[in-house]
């Protein structure tokens, strides 16, 4: 392969190095040009330019002004679309979600669960876990979170599917007051004969039952 003469090869190498360096140093973006482009547009793109005499120079300026105006319109449209997409993503409901209403011992005769906002959902499957006959659960719904109506009564170890009747849901638990067999208090009235005067109530069968109510909401 024939080599370039030294007087040509050296300047060519320097030029190539300069071009490579320029490519690295001047990796510019549109934001770098925006301030001067905006300033030029403000001073040039006006009604006087539109009414000016047609010439190559004026027509070139008008073409540039048109392109800049279109870019601004597109930027505005893109920003509006991005805002709309962000709003849709923020308001989009998942296809399903699980919510735990109760998962604790029922220490008091009654208890009310936290409220779930079921906006966007249409159906729910409720599952209960507790000792049989220990607790009953009132499934309640509300349109405004203030006035509550009862939709159904759930019992232990059940799973039921419902169509939602309101936006807000909660569960009201009630402990069973069933007691163990009590003892009889006797009274002797005759020799060799005793009569049960009254029954002393035995302890609650389920004094502090474990209870769990979980619902899966779907749309």
Protein backbone atom coordinates (compact mmCIF):
# COMPACT_ATOMS: atom_id res chain seq x y z
CA UNK A 1 0.00 0.00 0.00
CA UNK A 2 1.35 3.37 -0.99
CA UNK A 3 1.96 5.75 1.92
CA UNK A 4 1.01 9.44 1.80
CA UNK A 5 3.85 11.91 1.59
CA UNK A 6 4.83 13.31 5.00
CA UNK A 7 3.76 16.83 4.07
CA UNK A 8 0.21 15.52 3.42
CA UNK A 9 -0.04 12.75 6.04
CA UNK A 10 0.70 14.96 9.06
CA UNK A 11 -1.97 17.63 8.36
CA UNK A 12 -4.49 14.86 7.56
CA UNK A 13 -3.81 13.16 10.88
CA UNK A 14 -4.13 16.44 12.75
CA UNK A 15 -7.42 17.17 10.99
CA UNK A 16 -8.83 13.73 11.85
CA UNK A 17 -7.80 14.14 15.49
CA UNK A 18 -9.40 17.58 15.59
CA UNK A 19 -12.65 16.24 14.12
CA UNK A 20 -12.77 13.40 16.63
CA UNK A 21 -12.09 15.82 19.47
CA UNK A 22 -14.74 18.20 18.18
CA UNK A 23 -17.27 15.37 18.07
CA UNK A 24 -16.61 14.58 21.71
CA UNK A 25 -16.46 18.18 22.88
CA UNK A 26 -19.54 19.40 21.01
CA UNK A 27 -22.11 16.69 21.69
CA UNK A 28 -24.81 19.35 21.85
CA UNK A 29 -28.55 18.98 22.36
CA UNK A 30 -31.52 21.14 21.41
CA UNK A 31 -31.49 22.77 24.85
CA UNK A 32 -28.05 24.23 24.08
CA UNK A 33 -29.44 26.08 21.08
CA UNK A 34 -32.78 27.03 22.59
CA UNK A 35 -31.81 30.36 24.26
CA UNK A 36 -30.33 31.86 21.09
CA UNK A 37 -33.03 30.38 18.88
CA UNK A 38 -35.71 31.88 21.11
CA UNK A 39 -33.99 35.24 21.12
CA UNK A 40 -33.62 35.18 17.33
CA UNK A 41 -37.28 34.17 16.94
CA UNK A 42 -38.46 37.01 19.17
CA UNK A 43 -36.50 39.62 17.25
CA UNK A 44 -37.11 38.27 13.75
CA UNK A 45 -40.40 36.39 13.53
CA UNK A 46 -42.90 39.25 13.52
CA UNK A 47 -45.59 40.75 11.34
CA UNK A 48 -43.05 42.93 9.54
CA UNK A 49 -41.29 39.82 8.23
CA UNK A 50 -44.57 38.44 6.87
CA UNK A 51 -45.26 41.69 5.03
CA UNK A 52 -41.71 42.03 3.71
CA UNK A 53 -40.85 41.72 0.06
CA UNK A 54 -40.39 38.16 -1.11
CA UNK A 55 -36.73 37.31 -1.47
CA UNK A 56 -34.47 34.32 -0.87
CA UNK A 57 -33.26 35.76 2.46
CA UNK A 58 -36.74 36.70 3.71
CA UNK A 59 -38.27 33.43 2.58
CA UNK A 60 -35.53 31.53 4.43
CA UNK A 61 -36.28 33.49 7.61
CA UNK A 62 -40.01 32.79 7.23
CA UNK A 63 -39.32 29.07 6.80
CA UNK A 64 -37.20 29.03 9.96
CA UNK A 65 -39.87 30.97 11.88
CA UNK A 66 -42.50 28.49 10.72
CA UNK A 67 -40.38 25.54 11.86
CA UNK A 68 -39.77 27.13 15.28
CA UNK A 69 -43.47 27.87 15.74
CA UNK A 70 -44.35 24.27 14.85
CA UNK A 71 -41.81 22.94 17.35
CA UNK A 72 -43.40 25.06 20.09
CA UNK A 73 -46.88 23.78 19.16
CA UNK A 74 -45.65 20.20 19.24
CA UNK A 75 -43.92 20.77 22.60
CA UNK A 76 -47.19 22.06 24.02
CA UNK A 77 -49.14 19.09 22.64
CA UNK A 78 -46.60 16.61 24.00
CA UNK A 79 -46.68 18.23 27.44
CA UNK A 80 -50.49 18.09 27.44
CA UNK A 81 -50.48 14.42 26.43
CA UNK A 82 -47.89 13.56 29.07
CA UNK A 83 -50.03 15.26 31.71
CA UNK A 84 -53.13 13.36 30.56
CA UNK A 85 -51.27 10.03 30.60
CA UNK A 86 -49.93 10.73 34.09
CA UNK A 87 -53.46 11.52 35.33
CA UNK A 88 -54.81 8.29 33.81
CA UNK A 89 -52.03 6.24 35.36
CA UNK A 90 -52.64 7.84 38.76
CA UNK A 91 -56.38 7.10 38.64
CA UNK A 92 -56.13 3.64 37.11
CA UNK A 93 -57.40 0.96 39.48
CA UNK A 94 -55.67 -2.41 39.64
CA UNK A 95 -57.71 -5.34 38.35
CA UNK A 96 -57.90 -6.78 41.87
CA UNK A 97 -56.73 -6.02 45.39
CA UNK A 98 -56.92 -7.79 48.72
CA UNK A 99 -57.88 -6.02 51.95
CA UNK A 100 -57.72 -7.40 55.49
CA UNK A 101 -60.65 -6.12 57.53
CA UNK A 102 -59.92 -8.04 60.74
CA UNK A 103 -56.98 -10.15 61.89
CA UNK A 104 -56.86 -10.18 65.69
CA UNK A 105 -58.42 -11.56 68.84
CA UNK A 106 -61.91 -10.29 69.58
CA UNK A 107 -61.29 -8.99 73.10
CA UNK A 108 -64.59 -7.13 73.41
CA UNK A 109 -68.13 -8.31 72.65
CA UNK A 110 -68.11 -6.27 69.42
CA UNK A 111 -65.57 -4.67 67.09
CA UNK A 112 -65.68 -2.68 63.85
CA UNK A 113 -63.03 -3.02 61.16
CA UNK A 114 -61.26 -0.26 59.23
CA UNK A 115 -63.11 1.08 56.19
CA UNK A 116 -62.15 0.13 52.63
CA UNK A 117 -62.81 2.50 49.73
CA UNK A 118 -64.04 0.22 46.95
CA UNK A 119 -64.20 2.94 44.27
CA UNK A 120 -63.67 1.37 40.85
CA UNK A 121 -64.45 -2.18 41.98
CA UNK A 122 -67.67 -4.06 41.29
CA UNK A 123 -67.35 -7.42 43.09
CA UNK A 124 -65.74 -8.84 46.21
CA UNK A 125 -65.08 -12.28 47.70
CA UNK A 126 -65.06 -12.35 51.51
CA UNK A 127 -63.32 -15.11 53.46
CA UNK A 128 -63.65 -15.62 57.23
CA UNK A 129 -61.59 -17.66 59.66
CA UNK A 130 -62.55 -18.22 63.30
CA UNK A 131 -63.76 -21.04 65.59
CA UNK A 132 -67.17 -22.18 64.42
CA UNK A 133 -70.05 -20.41 66.15
CA UNK A 134 -67.59 -18.07 67.88
CA UNK A 135 -68.20 -14.89 65.87
CA UNK A 136 -70.72 -13.43 63.45
CA UNK A 137 -69.75 -10.70 60.99
CA UNK A 138 -72.05 -8.02 59.67
CA UNK A 139 -71.01 -6.92 56.19
CA UNK A 140 -71.84 -3.21 55.93
CA UNK A 141 -71.67 -0.71 53.07
CA UNK A 142 -72.07 3.04 52.68
CA UNK A 143 -72.35 5.55 49.86
CA UNK A 144 -70.74 8.40 51.79
CA UNK A 145 -68.80 6.73 54.61
CA UNK A 146 -71.27 8.04 57.21
CA UNK A 147 -74.57 6.17 56.86
CA UNK A 148 -74.07 2.40 57.01
CA UNK A 149 -76.40 -0.34 55.79
CA UNK A 150 -76.10 -4.08 56.34
CA UNK A 151 -75.66 -6.18 53.21
CA UNK A 152 -75.22 -9.65 54.68
CA UNK A 153 -74.22 -11.66 57.77
CA UNK A 154 -71.13 -13.85 57.53
CA UNK A 155 -70.24 -16.76 59.78
CA UNK A 156 -67.00 -18.49 60.65
CA UNK A 157 -65.16 -20.54 58.01
CA UNK A 158 -67.11 -19.13 55.08
CA UNK A 159 -66.29 -17.72 51.65
CA UNK A 160 -68.90 -15.68 49.81
CA UNK A 161 -68.96 -13.63 46.62
CA UNK A 162 -70.94 -10.39 46.38
CA UNK A 163 -71.77 -7.67 43.92
CA UNK A 164 -70.87 -4.42 45.63
CA UNK A 165 -73.76 -2.25 46.76
CA UNK A 166 -71.80 0.85 47.81
CA UNK A 167 -68.45 2.58 47.65
CA UNK A 168 -67.28 2.03 51.23
CA UNK A 169 -67.18 -1.29 53.09
CA UNK A 170 -66.52 -2.39 56.66
CA UNK A 171 -67.14 -5.44 58.85
CA UNK A 172 -68.80 -5.40 62.28
CA UNK A 173 -67.84 -8.43 64.39
CA UNK A 174 -69.92 -9.77 67.27
CA UNK A 175 -68.63 -12.36 69.69
CA UNK A 176 -70.85 -15.30 70.58
CA UNK A 177 -72.18 -15.12 74.14
CA UNK A 178 -72.69 -18.88 74.32
CA UNK A 179 -71.38 -20.29 77.58
CA UNK A 180 -70.14 -23.59 78.85
CA UNK A 181 -72.65 -25.61 80.91
CA UNK A 182 -73.07 -23.93 84.28
CA UNK A 183 -73.25 -25.32 87.78
CA UNK A 184 -76.47 -25.59 89.73
CA UNK A 185 -76.88 -23.94 93.09
CA UNK A 186 -78.89 -26.37 95.22
CA UNK A 187 -81.15 -25.76 98.14
CA UNK A 188 -82.15 -28.47 100.57
CA UNK A 189 -85.85 -28.25 101.33
CA UNK A 190 -86.63 -31.68 102.65
CA UNK A 191 -84.51 -34.31 104.29
CA UNK A 192 -82.69 -36.19 101.55
CA UNK A 193 -84.05 -33.92 98.78
CA UNK A 194 -82.36 -31.01 97.09
CA UNK A 195 -83.73 -28.61 94.54
CA UNK A 196 -81.77 -26.57 91.96
CA UNK A 197 -82.50 -22.96 92.79
CA UNK A 198 -80.51 -21.35 90.01
CA UNK A 199 -77.79 -22.11 87.48
CA UNK A 200 -74.49 -20.33 87.90
CA UNK A 201 -73.42 -19.40 84.35
CA UNK A 202 -70.30 -21.08 83.14
CA UNK A 203 -67.45 -19.28 81.35
CA UNK A 204 -67.82 -18.08 77.77
CA UNK A 205 -67.10 -20.80 75.28
CA UNK A 206 -65.07 -18.36 73.17
CA UNK A 207 -63.82 -15.59 75.51
CA UNK A 208 -61.24 -14.15 73.07
CA UNK A 209 -61.64 -15.87 69.71
CA UNK A 210 -59.18 -15.33 66.89
CA UNK A 211 -60.85 -13.79 63.87
CA UNK A 212 -59.76 -13.00 60.33
CA UNK A 213 -61.80 -11.42 57.55
CA UNK A 214 -60.11 -10.87 54.18
CA UNK A 215 -61.78 -9.69 50.98
CA UNK A 216 -60.53 -9.64 47.40
CA UNK A 217 -62.06 -6.81 45.35
CA UNK A 218 -62.23 -7.07 41.58
CA UNK A 219 -63.50 -4.91 38.73
